[in-house]
Amino acid sequence: MSTVKTDIQDVTETRKTITVSVAAAEVATQEAKLIKEFQRDAKIPGFRPGKAPENMIRMRYAKELKSELAQRVISKAHQEGVAKSDFEVFGVVDLNDGEITAGSDATVIFTVDVLQAFEVPAYEGLKVSVESTEATAEDVDKMFEQLLSQRAEFNVAEKAAEKGDYVRCSYEGKIGDELVADLVPDAPMFGTQKVTWEEAGAEETPGVRAIVDGLIGMQAEDEKEVTMEFPEGFKPEALAGKTAVYSLKAEEVREKVMPEMDEAFFASVQVKDEAELRERISENIENQKKQQNANAERQQITEQLLSSVEFAVPESGIESETQAVLRDFMQRNMQQGASEADFEAHKEQLHEGATKAAHDRLKSRLILSKIAEKEKVQADNDDFGRMIMMEAEKSGQKPEKIVKEIQKDQSRINSMRSEILLGKTMDLLIEKAERETVAAATAEA
């Protein structure tokens, strides 16, 4: 008669409880083995190794025996109930072991998330659209002008602002008698600014279009009103479809003076002349476009995989991925000046968006894992070596130090192996994909 019995109950389609009943006889067997091990290793005055009586071992190591017995019974229960289950366990999310004592039956309850079975979707010959990587003359001219602008000087000018000049100004917006600042307190650039710098006539602006356009022709101390009609669907929503009037005052005009393209300038950008600079710009643009294409291919393939098969994703996986997505998002935005208050104000929307992204990210990883199994993708030493070198370059640590750290952490090794397999599998799908080169305008449509 078996000394261990298992009962499995469904909680949801991706969660189960596994109740493992361990008979008192099995608990007693485990305890007897423990007593012998402690007797063998115990150093007790007056007794040779292995000769101390059992009752003395029980008294002297009562706490240690109880803890170790519980661990062994739980391990036995896990082996019988979880490891031998006929479904794929994603992870244990809860454990209830009650009270485990010698001479009594023990009940261990595991709550586990499981992977729902699904058919691996077709993944060969997926269609992807890419753009030409050619650097056009227009591309080069635009990047050339941007480079010059980055090195331009802005000198105080006693003149009316022209397009491209920077103006120190202040403004206050109203919709009727109501301040825009009261409608959108979390977006001050649309409401009231006591002191700000704006580029007159800037073609791309995250702020109020009417203000940057209105600055053209203004001199220091000039004041005027400008009208901004916010389109339907505008963000923030409180301004969508509304018309605001801004009181605008120019405080100072700074003229944009482009650098002289002389020997000193070309030396500062490490080229000999304009032709070489334009050639380097062209190479950089082509490399950027290649990287954009690579990112676009991955995104398109991921979207096709996600839509090609439906299955439920483990709850615990979504929860951990959601936290990872939020951490990445907060870190990126804090580097760009966002505050914790900004995140708190939009906490619910951020969590909702992160949960959706986490679901899709985990689902795509599960699909790629199945494809990796089918294609027998392997992670070899060279793969680990490349990943370690990348991490060393990113962190500034020596590769040898990272290797020593990894060797002590099996979970980190497993995580690295998973990332390698998923990356190589995506590379395989990209290699097997069918490409169509489209014009930039078509790709954006």
Foldseek 3Di string as FASTA:
>chain_A
DDQKDWDWDDPDPFKIKIKIKGALVVLQVLLVVVLQVCQQPPDDPPDDRNGDDSVVSCVVCVPVSQVVSLVVVVVVRCVVTPVPDPFAFPAFPDKDFDGRDHPGMTMIMTMTTTFDDWDQFDQFAAEAEAADLFCDPVNLVVVVVVVQQVVWDWAFDQFQDAAQKKFWKWKAKDQVPHFVCVLCVPDCLAGTDPTDIEGAPDPDDPHANQQSPVSGGDGAFDKDKTKGQADAPDPVNSRHRTIMIMIMHTHTIIDIGGDDQDCVVCVVVPHRHPVVVSVVSRVVSSVVSVVVRVVRLLVSSLVCSLVRIDDDDTPVQLVVQLVVQVVVVVVVVVVVPDDPVSCVVCVVVSSVVSSVVSRSVRVSLVSLVVVCVVVVPFQDPVQVVVVLVVVCVVVVHDSVVVVVVVVVPVVVVVVSRSVSSSVVSSVVSSVSYDYDHDHPVVVVD
